Amino acid sequence: MLPNSDGRLPASAVGQDAACRQLDRTEAGIWNLLEVIAFCVETPNQNRCRNVLSPVTIDLPPKPFLFTVRVVTRARTFFKRLYTSLLSVPVFGKVMGIALGMAVVLGGGMLWQIHRTWHGHLVHELELRGQKLADETGTHCAELLRTGSMAGVASELRHSLEESADVAYLKLLDAKGIILTEAQSSAKVVETRPIRELVSPIGQTTYRLVVGMNPANVDEEVSWLTRRLARLTAIITLLGLFAAWGLTHIFVHPILELVALTRLVKAGNYHAKAQVRANDEVGELASAFNEMTAAIAEKESARQQLIGQVIHAGEEERKRIARELHDHTGQALTSQIAGLSALENKCDDEPCRRRLAELRQQTEQMLAEVHDLSVALRPAVLDDLGLMAALERHCRLFSRRQGVEVTCRDVGLDGQRLPSEVELTIYRLVQETLTNAVRHGQATRVTATIQRTAVGVLVTVEDNGSGFDTRDWQKRCSAGTHLGLLGLEERVTLLGGFFRVEFVQGRGITVFADVPAKPEVGA
């Protein structure tokens, strides 16, 4: 049904949708009620059962009806669970199961039909041969019976028996059914297959000739043909299953590739591309996936560029504020301290001297806090002496201030200067992880290792704190407003690096950051 000009569905469509939902709820309620009623059949206490059904005031139906309802509800539940289980089977298993089921059903049905048809055809031919043999033998026996030669009749029966391998016996009966003479075959008769008897009158006499046809050869031929057809069917089934396996692999492999690429996109690789192998639905899905990743990569690039600009602007603002605190606020506080010291030396009043000394000490403390704030915002030693000097100084001050053991190690850096954005990112990473280890993990020992690699710098910060569950830590950090680690990940990612957080019970948190970097020219 089409919407109105204002984009909303007509009232009739809305009413139909609401009615459908109401019917679904009513059906579920009816099944639940029937289940409760069926439960009452197995409940010895009928009064309790009626209390369960209150405030529904009904008389219990007959027990056969309730038993049927219970069987139907259980069957319905069973088929629902079976349907859910089948849906959880992989596509490969579903296709192979369908192919195997069809092969078994079609092959078995074909074998049964061929066996039944061919057996009936051969039995009919056996009866025709028996009837023909009975007619020919009866003609010869009629002449012999007119001459009264019973020995000739017996010889004729034996001769006819020897000429046909399918004949079990030949019997000559009189009008009363008494056997006058007979010829028996020496071949063994299978008791499970009854002899097919054909009765033929002999000429115009009252005698009858009974021909017993042995169906053993028919059964053997049908069994031989069935076995050959069964082997052929098995071969065809195996070939069909192999073909189904190949086609399923061709169909499922691109889907599995898309699943793997989706996980790569989740991990942050927005340049993953799916191979478009055909112009079918899977090919369209791969093309749509590539278009989606291209759009995500474009937006991610714009986002990272914006974040980079924000981080750069923030660092520049930190640098400006740190310089202002050092050059202006620090100098002003130093002048205040000098003035207070001069006044303290010139003042003869002891209470006044003590007050001036207190003011001077407060000003000195304020100057120290301003200096620490300036260093925290942007340490000048980072720009002047390099990364390791700044980190060693920060770790030393942090250890003294927090009362924890902090170790900073340099492996292979050997005083090399790195690009300023790399040094600043590593400094911020160590600074933030030290704070998190003490504030959130209550760590007493932290080790920071800066290792130079062939393509960059590997930063490892380990602590012995309580840690946290690092599975899907980005989502938990966002939900808990703990954005410090997320900010570090953004900084490292902007430089093309890799950021990982690990937790081992009893060993605390370990933060890894692999930052690509080349030595700065002239370092």
Protein backbone atom coordinates (compact mmCIF):
# COMPACT_ATOMS: atom_id res chain seq x y z
CA MET A 1 0.00 0.00 0.00
CA LEU A 2 1.37 3.40 -1.02
CA PRO A 3 1.81 6.20 1.53
CA ASN A 4 -0.08 9.46 1.42
CA SER A 5 1.39 12.69 0.11
CA ASP A 6 2.61 13.53 3.62
CA GLY A 7 4.68 10.29 3.75
CA ARG A 8 2.38 8.49 6.22
CA LEU A 9 0.47 5.29 5.63
CA PRO A 10 -3.32 5.48 5.31
CA ALA A 11 -5.38 4.85 8.40
CA SER A 12 -6.64 1.57 6.93
CA ALA A 13 -3.06 0.26 6.54
CA VAL A 14 -2.20 1.28 10.08
CA GLY A 15 -5.34 -0.46 11.33
CA GLN A 16 -4.50 -3.62 9.38
CA ASP A 17 -0.98 -3.69 10.80
CA ALA A 18 -2.32 -3.25 14.33
CA ALA A 19 -4.89 -5.99 13.71
CA CYS A 20 -2.14 -8.37 12.51
CA ARG A 21 -0.11 -7.73 15.63
CA GLN A 22 -3.20 -8.29 17.79
CA LEU A 23 -3.88 -11.59 16.01
CA ASP A 24 -0.29 -12.73 16.68
CA ARG A 25 -0.67 -11.89 20.37
CA THR A 26 -4.05 -13.64 20.49
CA GLU A 27 -2.62 -16.78 18.86
CA ALA A 28 0.24 -16.88 21.36
CA GLY A 29 -2.21 -16.41 24.21
CA ILE A 30 -4.45 -19.22 22.96
CA TRP A 31 -1.52 -21.63 22.72
CA ASN A 32 -0.41 -20.70 26.24
CA LEU A 33 -3.93 -21.21 27.55
CA LEU A 34 -4.20 -24.59 25.84
CA GLU A 35 -0.87 -25.60 27.35
CA VAL A 36 -2.12 -24.69 30.82
CA ILE A 37 -5.35 -26.60 30.23
CA ALA A 38 -3.43 -29.63 29.01
CA PHE A 39 -1.26 -29.44 32.11
CA CYS A 40 -4.41 -29.84 34.17
CA VAL A 41 -4.88 -33.32 32.74
CA GLU A 42 -1.75 -34.47 34.55
CA THR A 43 -2.56 -32.51 37.72
CA PRO A 44 -4.18 -34.75 40.37
CA ASN A 45 -5.57 -31.80 42.33
CA GLN A 46 -8.40 -30.43 40.19
CA ASN A 47 -9.13 -27.61 42.64
CA ARG A 48 -5.57 -26.40 42.33
CA CYS A 49 -5.91 -26.63 38.57
CA ARG A 50 -9.03 -24.46 38.68
CA ASN A 51 -7.14 -21.93 40.81
CA VAL A 52 -4.47 -21.81 38.13
CA LEU A 53 -7.10 -21.11 35.50
CA SER A 54 -8.82 -18.34 37.52
CA PRO A 55 -10.12 -15.80 36.76
CA VAL A 56 -10.95 -17.87 33.64
CA THR A 57 -14.20 -19.63 34.50
CA ILE A 58 -14.49 -22.65 32.23
CA ASP A 59 -15.25 -26.35 32.58
CA LEU A 60 -12.37 -28.66 31.77
CA PRO A 61 -12.74 -30.38 28.37
CA PRO A 62 -12.56 -34.16 28.10
CA LYS A 63 -9.21 -35.76 28.76
CA PRO A 64 -8.74 -37.13 25.19
CA PHE A 65 -9.11 -33.60 23.83
CA LEU A 66 -6.63 -32.22 26.37
CA PHE A 67 -4.20 -35.04 25.60
CA THR A 68 -4.43 -34.17 21.90
CA VAL A 69 -3.81 -30.51 22.69
CA ARG A 70 -0.75 -31.38 24.74
CA VAL A 71 0.62 -33.62 21.98
CA VAL A 72 0.07 -30.85 19.41
CA THR A 73 1.75 -28.20 21.58
CA ARG A 74 4.73 -30.44 22.25
CA ALA A 75 5.02 -31.28 18.55
CA ARG A 76 4.83 -27.57 17.76
CA THR A 77 7.63 -26.85 20.26
CA PHE A 78 9.72 -29.71 18.87
CA PHE A 79 9.41 -28.48 15.29
CA LYS A 80 10.23 -24.93 16.36
CA ARG A 81 13.42 -26.14 18.02
CA LEU A 82 14.23 -28.31 15.00
CA TYR A 83 13.71 -25.32 12.71
CA THR A 84 15.98 -23.18 14.89
CA SER A 85 18.65 -25.90 14.90
CA LEU A 86 18.49 -26.21 11.12
CA LEU A 87 18.89 -22.46 10.76
CA SER A 88 22.08 -22.62 12.83
CA VAL A 89 23.67 -25.16 10.44
CA PRO A 90 26.24 -23.53 8.09
CA VAL A 91 25.25 -22.95 4.47
CA PHE A 92 27.76 -25.57 3.35
CA GLY A 93 26.11 -28.20 5.56
CA LYS A 94 22.64 -27.20 4.39
CA VAL A 95 23.48 -27.50 0.70
CA MET A 96 25.34 -30.78 1.14
CA GLY A 97 22.50 -32.14 3.27
CA ILE A 98 19.92 -31.20 0.64
CA ALA A 99 22.03 -32.75 -2.13
CA LEU A 100 22.58 -35.96 -0.15
CA GLY A 101 18.91 -36.19 0.81
CA MET A 102 17.75 -35.71 -2.79
CA ALA A 103 20.29 -38.27 -4.03
CA VAL A 104 19.16 -40.85 -1.47
CA VAL A 105 15.44 -40.26 -2.07
CA LEU A 106 15.67 -40.16 -5.88
CA GLY A 107 18.16 -43.04 -6.05
CA GLY A 108 16.16 -45.21 -3.66
CA GLY A 109 12.89 -44.44 -5.44
CA MET A 110 14.42 -45.17 -8.83
CA LEU A 111 15.89 -48.50 -7.66
CA TRP A 112 12.58 -49.55 -6.12
CA GLN A 113 10.61 -48.63 -9.23
CA ILE A 114 13.06 -50.35 -11.60
CA HIS A 115 13.16 -53.45 -9.39
CA ARG A 116 9.39 -53.61 -9.25
CA THR A 117 8.87 -53.00 -13.00
CA TRP A 118 11.63 -55.29 -14.23
CA HIS A 119 10.63 -58.07 -11.86
CA GLY A 120 7.02 -57.91 -13.05
CA HIS A 121 8.17 -57.94 -16.69
CA LEU A 122 10.41 -60.98 -16.20
CA VAL A 123 7.71 -62.84 -14.24
CA HIS A 124 5.25 -62.17 -17.05
CA GLU A 125 7.72 -63.56 -19.60
CA LEU A 126 8.30 -66.56 -17.35
CA GLU A 127 4.57 -67.26 -17.30
CA LEU A 128 4.36 -66.89 -21.10
CA ARG A 129 7.19 -69.38 -21.57
CA GLY A 130 5.53 -71.76 -19.12
CA GLN A 131 2.21 -71.47 -20.92
CA LYS A 132 3.85 -72.08 -24.29
CA LEU A 133 5.72 -75.09 -22.91
CA ALA A 134 2.46 -76.45 -21.42
CA ASP A 135 0.63 -76.09 -24.75
CA GLU A 136 3.39 -77.78 -26.78
CA THR A 137 3.89 -80.58 -24.26
CA GLY A 138 0.12 -81.08 -23.96
CA THR A 139 -0.19 -81.51 -27.75
CA HIS A 140 2.49 -84.21 -27.76
CA CYS A 141 1.03 -85.93 -24.72
CA ALA A 142 -2.50 -85.99 -26.23
CA GLU A 143 -1.35 -88.29 -29.06
CA LEU A 144 0.46 -90.54 -26.60
CA LEU A 145 -2.57 -90.73 -24.31
CA ARG A 146 -4.81 -91.81 -27.18
CA THR A 147 -2.49 -94.77 -27.74
CA GLY A 148 -2.39 -95.42 -23.96
CA SER A 149 1.38 -95.09 -23.73
CA MET A 150 1.99 -93.70 -20.21
CA ALA A 151 5.70 -94.49 -20.57
CA GLY A 152 5.82 -92.24 -23.62
CA VAL A 153 4.04 -89.50 -21.68
CA ALA A 154 6.59 -89.74 -18.85
CA SER A 155 9.43 -89.63 -21.39
CA GLU A 156 7.89 -86.57 -23.03
CA LEU A 157 7.60 -84.80 -19.65
CA ARG A 158 11.24 -85.53 -18.85
CA HIS A 159 12.33 -84.32 -22.29
CA SER A 160 10.38 -81.06 -21.89
CA LEU A 161 11.80 -80.62 -18.38
CA GLU A 162 15.36 -80.96 -19.68
CA GLU A 163 14.82 -78.41 -22.45
CA SER A 164 13.73 -75.59 -20.07
CA ALA A 165 15.89 -74.47 -17.15
CA ASP A 166 13.03 -72.52 -15.56
CA VAL A 167 10.71 -75.52 -15.10
CA ALA A 168 10.64 -77.03 -11.62
CA TYR A 169 8.31 -79.93 -12.43
CA LEU A 170 5.73 -81.24 -14.88
CA LYS A 171 2.70 -83.20 -13.66
CA LEU A 172 -0.05 -85.09 -15.49
CA LEU A 173 -3.36 -85.10 -13.61
CA ASP A 174 -6.56 -86.95 -14.33
CA ALA A 175 -10.03 -85.54 -13.93
CA LYS A 176 -9.96 -86.16 -10.19
CA GLY A 177 -6.63 -84.40 -9.72
CA ILE A 178 -4.64 -87.56 -9.16
CA ILE A 179 -1.06 -87.41 -10.38
CA LEU A 180 -0.58 -90.03 -13.06
CA THR A 181 3.03 -89.23 -13.82
CA GLU A 182 5.48 -86.39 -13.16
CA ALA A 183 9.00 -85.16 -13.83
CA GLN A 184 10.95 -83.23 -11.14
CA SER A 185 13.90 -80.93 -11.74
CA SER A 186 17.11 -81.56 -9.80
CA ALA A 187 17.62 -77.82 -9.24
CA LYS A 188 17.11 -76.60 -5.70
CA VAL A 189 13.92 -74.60 -5.18
CA VAL A 190 14.06 -71.60 -2.88
CA GLU A 191 11.29 -72.00 -0.37
CA THR A 192 10.83 -68.26 0.11
CA ARG A 193 9.87 -67.90 -3.56
CA PRO A 194 6.77 -70.03 -4.34
CA ILE A 195 6.55 -72.01 -7.57
CA ARG A 196 4.26 -70.47 -10.15
CA GLU A 197 1.94 -73.23 -11.42
CA LEU A 198 0.32 -73.12 -14.84
CA VAL A 199 -2.48 -75.58 -15.65
CA SER A 200 -3.25 -76.48 -19.28
CA PRO A 201 -5.86 -79.01 -20.50
CA ILE A 202 -4.62 -81.72 -22.86
CA GLY A 203 -6.65 -81.64 -26.07
CA GLN A 204 -10.24 -82.84 -25.75
CA THR A 205 -9.40 -85.20 -22.90
CA THR A 206 -10.05 -84.82 -19.20
CA TYR A 207 -6.38 -84.83 -18.43
CA ARG A 208 -4.53 -81.72 -17.32
CA LEU A 209 -0.88 -80.77 -17.47
CA VAL A 210 0.56 -78.76 -14.56
CA VAL A 211 3.77 -76.82 -15.22
CA GLY A 212 5.67 -75.50 -12.18
CA MET A 213 7.87 -72.53 -13.13
CA ASN A 214 10.80 -71.76 -10.82
CA PRO A 215 11.26 -67.93 -10.38
CA ALA A 216 14.80 -68.34 -9.01
CA ASN A 217 16.44 -67.27 -12.26
CA VAL A 218 14.13 -64.26 -12.43
CA ASP A 219 15.02 -63.25 -8.90
CA GLU A 220 18.71 -63.73 -9.58
CA GLU A 221 18.58 -61.62 -12.73
CA VAL A 222 16.60 -58.87 -11.01
CA SER A 223 19.00 -58.92 -8.05
CA TRP A 224 21.98 -58.69 -10.40
CA LEU A 225 20.45 -55.77 -12.26
CA THR A 226 19.51 -54.06 -8.97
CA ARG A 227 23.04 -54.40 -7.63
CA ARG A 228 24.50 -52.93 -10.79
CA LEU A 229 22.01 -50.08 -10.72
CA ALA A 230 22.74 -49.52 -7.03
CA ARG A 231 26.47 -49.27 -7.72
CA LEU A 232 25.79 -46.92 -10.63
CA THR A 233 23.47 -44.85 -8.44
CA ALA A 234 26.11 -44.70 -5.71
CA ILE A 235 28.71 -43.51 -8.21
CA ILE A 236 26.34 -40.91 -9.60
CA THR A 237 25.49 -39.82 -6.02
CA LEU A 238 29.16 -39.42 -5.16
CA LEU A 239 29.74 -37.43 -8.35
CA GLY A 240 26.69 -35.33 -7.54
CA LEU A 241 27.92 -34.73 -4.00
CA PHE A 242 31.36 -33.79 -5.31
CA ALA A 243 29.76 -31.39 -7.78
CA ALA A 244 27.56 -29.99 -5.01
CA TRP A 245 30.64 -29.59 -2.80
CA GLY A 246 32.44 -27.71 -5.58
CA LEU A 247 29.46 -25.47 -6.32
CA THR A 248 28.90 -24.86 -2.62
CA HIS A 249 32.56 -23.97 -2.17
CA ILE A 250 32.33 -21.58 -5.11
CA PHE A 251 29.22 -20.04 -3.59
CA VAL A 252 30.31 -19.96 0.07
CA HIS A 253 33.95 -18.92 -0.41
CA PRO A 254 33.11 -15.31 -1.43
CA ILE A 255 30.74 -15.06 1.55
CA LEU A 256 33.47 -16.26 3.94
CA GLU A 257 35.81 -13.72 2.37
CA LEU A 258 33.25 -11.00 3.01
CA VAL A 259 32.96 -12.14 6.64
CA ALA A 260 36.76 -11.96 7.05
CA LEU A 261 36.86 -8.54 5.37
CA THR A 262 34.05 -7.33 7.63
CA ARG A 263 36.14 -8.28 10.66
CA LEU A 264 39.09 -6.40 9.13
CA VAL A 265 36.90 -3.34 8.73
CA LYS A 266 35.82 -3.70 12.36
CA ALA A 267 39.51 -3.80 13.34
CA GLY A 268 40.08 -0.49 11.51
CA ASN A 269 41.26 -1.57 8.06
CA TYR A 270 38.90 0.53 5.96
CA HIS A 271 40.81 -0.12 2.73
CA ALA A 272 39.87 -3.81 2.56
CA LYS A 273 38.41 -4.70 -0.83
CA ALA A 274 36.36 -7.73 -1.84
CA GLN A 275 37.07 -9.47 -5.12
CA VAL A 276 34.12 -9.33 -7.52
CA ARG A 277 34.18 -12.70 -9.30
CA ALA A 278 30.83 -12.65 -11.10
CA ASN A 279 27.84 -10.48 -11.89
CA ASP A 280 25.44 -12.50 -9.75
CA GLU A 281 23.93 -11.61 -6.37
CA VAL A 282 27.18 -12.40 -4.52
CA GLY A 283 29.05 -10.16 -6.95
CA GLU A 284 26.57 -7.37 -6.30
CA LEU A 285 27.08 -7.90 -2.56
CA ALA A 286 30.86 -7.67 -3.00
CA SER A 287 30.46 -4.49 -5.07
CA ALA A 288 28.19 -2.98 -2.44
CA PHE A 289 30.72 -3.94 0.25
CA ASN A 290 33.52 -2.21 -1.67
CA GLU A 291 31.39 0.91 -2.10
CA MET A 292 30.61 0.87 1.62
CA THR A 293 34.26 0.49 2.64
CA ALA A 294 35.27 3.24 0.23
CA ALA A 295 32.70 5.58 1.77
CA ILE A 296 33.77 4.59 5.29
CA ALA A 297 37.45 5.09 4.39
CA GLU A 298 36.69 8.54 2.99
CA LYS A 299 34.77 9.53 6.11
CA GLU A 300 37.45 8.02 8.35
CA SER A 301 40.13 9.94 6.51
CA ALA A 302 38.19 13.17 6.99
CA ARG A 303 37.61 12.28 10.64
CA GLN A 304 41.27 11.54 11.24
CA GLN A 305 42.27 14.74 9.50
CA LEU A 306 39.88 16.67 11.70
CA ILE A 307 41.09 14.87 14.83
CA GLY A 308 44.68 15.56 13.80
CA GLN A 309 43.90 19.23 13.45
CA VAL A 310 42.15 19.23 16.83
CA ILE A 311 45.09 17.46 18.50
CA HIS A 312 47.58 19.79 16.83
CA ALA A 313 45.57 22.83 17.87
CA GLY A 314 45.33 21.46 21.41
CA GLU A 315 49.07 20.87 21.60
CA GLU A 316 49.79 24.32 20.24
CA GLU A 317 47.43 25.79 22.82
CA ARG A 318 49.11 23.74 25.55
CA LYS A 319 52.48 24.99 24.35
CA ARG A 320 51.30 28.60 24.34
CA ILE A 321 49.75 28.32 27.82
CA ALA A 322 52.88 26.58 29.17
CA ARG A 323 55.04 29.36 27.73
CA GLU A 324 52.74 32.02 29.20
CA LEU A 325 52.85 30.33 32.60
CA HIS A 326 56.62 30.07 32.47
CA ASP A 327 57.43 33.48 31.01
CA HIS A 328 54.78 35.67 32.58
CA THR A 329 53.10 33.99 35.53
CA GLY A 330 56.34 32.38 36.69
CA GLN A 331 58.30 35.60 36.38
CA ALA A 332 55.59 37.55 38.22
CA LEU A 333 55.53 35.03 41.07
CA THR A 334 59.34 35.11 41.24
CA SER A 335 59.21 38.90 41.55
CA GLN A 336 56.59 38.59 44.28
CA ILE A 337 58.83 36.16 46.18
CA ALA A 338 61.80 38.51 45.89
CA GLY A 339 59.70 41.48 47.10
CA LEU A 340 58.31 39.52 50.02
CA SER A 341 61.81 38.40 51.01
CA ALA A 342 63.04 42.01 50.94
CA LEU A 343 60.11 43.20 53.05
CA GLU A 344 60.68 40.31 55.45
CA ASN A 345 64.31 41.35 55.94
CA LYS A 346 63.48 45.01 56.51
CA CYS A 347 60.53 44.45 58.83
CA ASP A 348 61.35 44.71 62.58
CA ASP A 349 57.93 43.63 63.85
CA GLU A 350 58.03 39.90 64.59
CA PRO A 351 54.33 39.18 63.86
CA CYS A 352 54.68 41.04 60.57
CA ARG A 353 57.83 39.07 59.70
CA ARG A 354 56.02 35.77 60.36
CA ARG A 355 53.09 36.86 58.18
CA LEU A 356 55.46 37.90 55.37
CA ALA A 357 57.26 34.56 55.66
CA GLU A 358 53.94 32.70 55.34
CA LEU A 359 53.03 34.73 52.26
CA ARG A 360 56.46 34.05 50.75
CA GLN A 361 56.12 30.30 51.35
CA GLN A 362 52.62 30.24 49.82
CA THR A 363 53.94 32.14 46.81
CA GLU A 364 56.86 29.70 46.45
CA GLN A 365 54.40 26.77 46.59
CA MET A 366 52.24 28.48 43.98
CA LEU A 367 55.34 28.98 41.79
CA ALA A 368 56.19 25.28 42.11
CA GLU A 369 52.62 24.27 41.15
CA VAL A 370 52.68 26.66 38.20
CA HIS A 371 55.99 25.13 37.12
CA ASP A 372 54.58 21.59 37.40
CA LEU A 373 51.49 22.64 35.46
CA SER A 374 53.67 24.19 32.77
CA VAL A 375 55.74 21.00 32.50
CA ALA A 376 52.58 18.86 32.35
CA LEU A 377 51.13 21.00 29.60
CA ARG A 378 54.26 20.98 27.46
CA PRO A 379 57.67 20.10 28.91
CA ALA A 380 60.33 22.34 27.46
CA VAL A 381 62.89 19.55 27.90
CA LEU A 382 61.01 17.53 25.27
CA ASP A 383 61.70 20.17 22.63
CA ASP A 384 65.23 20.95 23.89
CA LEU A 385 66.78 17.61 24.91
CA GLY A 386 64.54 14.98 23.31
CA LEU A 387 62.17 12.17 24.20
CA MET A 388 64.19 10.07 26.64
CA ALA A 389 65.31 13.04 28.72
CA ALA A 390 61.71 14.23 29.04
CA LEU A 391 60.43 10.74 29.90
CA GLU A 392 63.13 10.08 32.50
CA ARG A 393 62.41 13.41 34.15
CA HIS A 394 58.65 12.80 34.14
CA CYS A 395 59.02 9.24 35.50
CA ARG A 396 61.33 10.46 38.25
CA LEU A 397 58.94 13.23 39.33
CA PHE A 398 55.91 10.93 39.05
CA SER A 399 57.58 8.28 41.21
CA ARG A 400 58.49 10.82 43.84
CA ARG A 401 55.02 12.41 43.84
CA GLN A 402 52.94 9.18 43.80
CA GLY A 403 55.25 6.93 45.81
CA VAL A 404 55.41 4.14 43.22
CA GLU A 405 58.34 2.45 41.52
CA VAL A 406 58.64 3.72 37.93
CA THR A 407 61.31 2.45 35.53
CA CYS A 408 61.98 3.98 32.11
CA ARG A 409 64.21 2.01 29.74
CA ASP A 410 65.72 2.88 26.38
CA VAL A 411 66.47 0.01 23.96
CA GLY A 412 68.30 0.91 20.77
CA LEU A 413 67.26 4.58 20.65
CA ASP A 414 70.78 5.79 21.57
CA GLY A 415 69.88 9.44 21.78
CA GLN A 416 68.28 9.60 18.33
CA ARG A 417 65.81 12.38 17.80
CA LEU A 418 62.49 11.42 16.28
CA PRO A 419 59.96 13.62 14.49
CA SER A 420 58.34 16.00 16.94
CA GLU A 421 54.83 14.54 16.53
CA VAL A 422 56.18 11.03 17.23
CA GLU A 423 58.06 12.16 20.34
CA LEU A 424 55.03 14.05 21.59
CA THR A 425 52.71 11.05 21.00
CA ILE A 426 55.04 8.68 22.87
CA TYR A 427 55.42 11.17 25.72
CA ARG A 428 51.64 11.57 26.05
CA LEU A 429 51.18 7.80 25.90
CA VAL A 430 53.60 7.15 28.76
CA GLN A 431 52.16 10.08 30.71
CA GLU A 432 48.57 8.84 30.40
CA THR A 433 49.33 5.16 31.09
CA LEU A 434 51.29 6.05 34.24
CA THR A 435 48.33 8.05 35.53
CA ASN A 436 45.84 5.27 34.67
CA ALA A 437 47.99 2.58 36.30
CA VAL A 438 48.05 4.40 39.63
CA ARG A 439 44.61 6.01 39.58
CA HIS A 440 42.51 3.08 38.29
CA GLY A 441 44.72 0.01 38.78
CA GLN A 442 46.35 0.91 42.13
CA ALA A 443 49.68 -0.25 40.71
CA THR A 444 52.85 -0.07 42.79
CA ARG A 445 55.30 -0.79 39.97
CA VAL A 446 55.29 0.49 36.38
CA THR A 447 57.86 -0.18 33.66
CA ALA A 448 58.03 1.81 30.43
CA THR A 449 60.22 0.49 27.60
CA ILE A 450 61.03 2.53 24.48
CA GLN A 451 62.49 0.18 21.86
CA ARG A 452 63.80 1.28 18.48
CA THR A 453 62.80 -1.07 15.66
CA ALA A 454 63.67 -1.21 11.97
CA VAL A 455 60.58 0.77 10.97
CA GLY A 456 59.64 2.72 14.07
CA VAL A 457 59.39 2.68 17.84
CA LEU A 458 57.73 0.04 20.02
CA VAL A 459 56.44 1.43 23.32
CA THR A 460 55.55 -1.04 26.08
CA VAL A 461 54.13 0.06 29.43
CA GLU A 462 53.54 -2.67 32.03
CA ASP A 463 52.10 -2.40 35.54
CA ASN A 464 51.19 -4.76 38.37
CA GLY A 465 47.79 -3.26 39.07
CA SER A 466 44.36 -4.87 39.28
CA GLY A 467 43.71 -4.33 35.57
CA PHE A 468 40.39 -4.77 33.75
CA ASP A 469 38.78 -6.96 31.12
CA THR A 470 40.35 -5.83 27.85
CA ARG A 471 37.82 -7.59 25.62
CA ASP A 472 36.09 -4.90 23.57
CA TRP A 473 37.69 -2.27 25.80
CA GLN A 474 36.92 0.56 23.36
CA LYS A 475 33.17 0.18 23.85
CA ARG A 476 33.49 -0.01 27.64
CA CYS A 477 35.78 3.01 27.75
CA SER A 478 33.29 5.02 25.68
CA ALA A 479 30.35 3.92 27.84
CA GLY A 480 32.27 4.66 31.06
CA THR A 481 33.52 8.06 29.86
CA HIS A 482 37.14 6.82 30.29
CA LEU A 483 38.42 8.40 27.11
CA GLY A 484 42.15 8.47 27.92
CA LEU A 485 43.01 5.19 26.19
CA LEU A 486 40.76 6.06 23.26
CA GLY A 487 42.63 9.34 22.85
CA LEU A 488 45.95 7.49 22.87
CA GLU A 489 44.66 5.05 20.26
CA GLU A 490 43.60 7.97 18.07
CA ARG A 491 47.02 9.60 18.39
CA VAL A 492 48.85 6.38 17.48
CA THR A 493 46.43 5.62 14.61
CA LEU A 494 46.92 9.10 13.15
CA LEU A 495 50.62 8.32 12.82
CA GLY A 496 49.83 5.01 11.10
CA GLY A 497 50.71 2.93 14.15
CA PHE A 498 49.16 0.06 16.05
CA PHE A 499 47.74 0.24 19.59
CA ARG A 500 46.84 -2.75 21.77
CA VAL A 501 45.87 -3.31 25.42
CA GLU A 502 46.35 -6.70 27.12
CA PHE A 503 45.54 -8.00 30.59
CA VAL A 504 46.94 -11.10 32.29
CA GLN A 505 45.49 -12.08 35.68
CA GLY A 506 48.07 -11.41 38.38
CA ARG A 507 50.36 -9.40 36.08
CA GLY A 508 48.31 -6.29 35.40
CA ILE A 509 47.81 -4.26 32.23
CA THR A 510 50.27 -4.06 29.34
CA VAL A 511 49.89 -1.32 26.73
CA PHE A 512 51.63 -1.76 23.36
CA ALA A 513 52.06 0.99 20.79
CA ASP A 514 54.00 0.44 17.58
CA VAL A 515 54.62 3.84 16.00
CA PRO A 516 56.30 4.07 12.58
CA ALA A 517 59.06 6.69 12.61
CA LYS A 518 62.29 7.57 10.84
CA PRO A 519 65.19 9.31 12.57
CA GLU A 520 64.91 13.06 12.28
CA VAL A 521 67.31 14.57 9.76
CA GLY A 522 70.29 16.13 11.53
CA ALA A 523 69.69 14.22 14.79
